[in-house]
Amino acid sequence: MNAKAEVENTVVDKLKLSIAVLLVAGGIAGFYHFDDMNQLYRVLGLLAMFAAAGFVALQSGPGRTLWHFAAESRTEVRKVVWPTRQETIQTTLVVMAMVMVMALALWVVDWVLMAVVRSVTG
């Protein structure tokens, strides 16, 4: 009995996701079909179709899973200890200094290799 309900849920979820895709496709088609109308109305219609498609997609199992994941991600982002402005500036300066040192080192290696190749080839 549980397996049958699970199969029906996947069919319903696929149907919901298909409807969402059709809504997006219809919104895009409508945007280009009504090219003689004001662009503001066309964009608003397109956004409305995207919102409707998103609403329908979020009603499916994968949509609910995605929404739950986004909510958990938001919670985790709030737990992160972000660096202060001073730490960010110091880290940026260290990275820039290392980039300059590596650029200089690679330039010297390139210059030496070029000199070796020049001396070998004449």
Protein backbone atom coordinates (compact mmCIF):
# COMPACT_ATOMS: atom_id res chain seq x y z
CA MET A 1 0.00 0.00 0.00
CA ASN A 2 2.81 2.42 0.88
CA ALA A 3 4.66 1.67 -2.37
CA LYS A 4 1.51 2.46 -4.35
CA ALA A 5 1.11 5.81 -2.58
CA GLU A 6 4.76 6.58 -3.22
CA VAL A 7 4.39 5.85 -6.95
CA GLU A 8 1.28 8.05 -7.09
CA ASN A 9 3.18 10.85 -5.35
CA THR A 10 6.02 10.68 -7.86
CA VAL A 11 3.51 10.79 -10.73
CA VAL A 12 1.76 13.78 -9.16
CA ASP A 13 5.12 15.46 -8.53
CA LYS A 14 6.15 14.92 -12.14
CA LEU A 15 2.82 16.35 -13.27
CA LYS A 16 3.29 19.43 -11.07
CA LEU A 17 6.82 19.98 -12.35
CA SER A 18 5.61 19.53 -15.94
CA ILE A 19 2.92 22.14 -15.34
CA ALA A 20 5.57 24.49 -13.94
CA VAL A 21 7.73 24.00 -17.04
CA LEU A 22 4.69 24.61 -19.27
CA LEU A 23 3.90 27.81 -17.36
CA VAL A 24 7.45 29.06 -17.90
CA ALA A 25 7.33 28.11 -21.58
CA GLY A 26 3.92 29.78 -21.92
CA GLY A 27 5.23 32.92 -20.25
CA ILE A 28 8.19 33.10 -22.61
CA ALA A 29 6.01 32.39 -25.63
CA GLY A 30 3.52 35.04 -24.51
CA PHE A 31 6.32 37.55 -24.02
CA TYR A 32 7.36 37.17 -27.65
CA HIS A 33 3.85 36.70 -29.04
CA PHE A 34 2.60 40.01 -27.65
CA ASP A 35 5.54 42.05 -28.94
CA ASP A 36 3.23 44.85 -30.06
CA MET A 37 2.17 45.54 -26.44
CA ASN A 38 3.95 47.76 -23.95
CA GLN A 39 7.13 46.09 -22.73
CA LEU A 40 6.23 46.77 -19.09
CA TYR A 41 3.07 44.65 -19.39
CA ARG A 42 4.98 41.90 -21.17
CA VAL A 43 7.63 41.78 -18.44
CA LEU A 44 4.99 41.83 -15.71
CA GLY A 45 3.17 38.97 -17.41
CA LEU A 46 6.40 37.02 -17.72
CA LEU A 47 7.21 37.57 -14.05
CA ALA A 48 3.68 36.52 -13.09
CA MET A 49 4.08 33.30 -15.07
CA PHE A 50 7.45 32.65 -13.41
CA ALA A 51 5.89 33.24 -9.99
CA ALA A 52 3.01 30.88 -10.81
CA ALA A 53 5.47 28.26 -12.06
CA GLY A 54 7.54 28.63 -8.91
CA PHE A 55 4.45 28.27 -6.75
CA VAL A 56 3.38 25.12 -8.58
CA ALA A 57 6.92 23.68 -8.46
CA LEU A 58 7.18 24.32 -4.73
CA GLN A 59 4.03 22.25 -4.18
CA SER A 60 5.83 19.13 -5.43
CA GLY A 61 8.03 16.87 -3.33
CA PRO A 62 11.31 18.07 -4.86
CA GLY A 63 10.10 21.66 -4.48
CA ARG A 64 9.39 21.19 -0.79
CA THR A 65 12.80 19.55 -0.39
CA LEU A 66 14.44 22.52 -2.12
CA TRP A 67 12.55 24.99 0.08
CA HIS A 68 13.57 23.07 3.21
CA PHE A 69 17.21 23.06 2.03
CA ALA A 70 17.10 26.82 1.41
CA ALA A 71 15.66 27.44 4.89
CA GLU A 72 18.37 25.30 6.50
CA SER A 73 21.05 27.06 4.45
CA ARG A 74 19.79 30.42 5.65
CA THR A 75 19.99 29.19 9.23
CA GLU A 76 23.56 27.99 8.70
CA VAL A 77 24.60 31.30 7.12
CA ARG A 78 23.40 33.08 10.26
CA LYS A 79 25.72 30.86 12.34
CA VAL A 80 28.82 31.87 10.37
CA VAL A 81 31.23 34.20 12.14
CA TRP A 82 31.97 36.77 9.45
CA PRO A 83 35.31 38.61 9.50
CA THR A 84 35.45 42.21 10.58
CA ARG A 85 36.24 44.99 8.14
CA GLN A 86 39.83 45.20 9.43
CA GLU A 87 40.37 41.45 9.04
CA THR A 88 38.99 41.59 5.50
CA ILE A 89 41.27 44.46 4.54
CA GLN A 90 44.32 42.76 6.06
CA THR A 91 43.58 39.49 4.30
CA THR A 92 43.06 41.30 1.00
CA LEU A 93 46.40 43.10 1.38
CA VAL A 94 48.19 39.82 2.15
CA VAL A 95 46.64 38.20 -0.93
CA MET A 96 47.61 41.16 -3.12
CA ALA A 97 51.18 41.08 -1.76
CA MET A 98 51.46 37.34 -2.46
CA VAL A 99 50.16 37.87 -5.98
CA MET A 100 52.81 40.52 -6.58
CA VAL A 101 55.57 38.28 -5.15
CA MET A 102 54.47 35.34 -7.29
CA ALA A 103 54.22 37.55 -10.38
CA LEU A 104 57.76 38.80 -9.78
CA ALA A 105 59.05 35.25 -9.19
CA LEU A 106 57.41 33.96 -12.37
CA TRP A 107 58.77 36.94 -14.31
CA VAL A 108 62.30 36.11 -13.10
CA VAL A 109 61.88 32.41 -14.00
CA ASP A 110 60.55 33.38 -17.42
CA TRP A 111 63.47 35.80 -17.94
CA VAL A 112 66.01 33.11 -16.97
CA LEU A 113 64.41 30.49 -19.20
CA MET A 114 64.28 32.95 -22.07
CA ALA A 115 67.97 33.73 -21.60
CA VAL A 116 68.79 30.01 -21.58
CA VAL A 117 66.76 29.40 -24.74
CA ARG A 118 68.36 32.42 -26.40
CA SER A 119 71.86 31.21 -25.56
CA VAL A 120 71.11 27.69 -26.80
CA THR A 121 69.48 28.77 -30.06
CA GLY A 122 71.85 31.62 -30.73
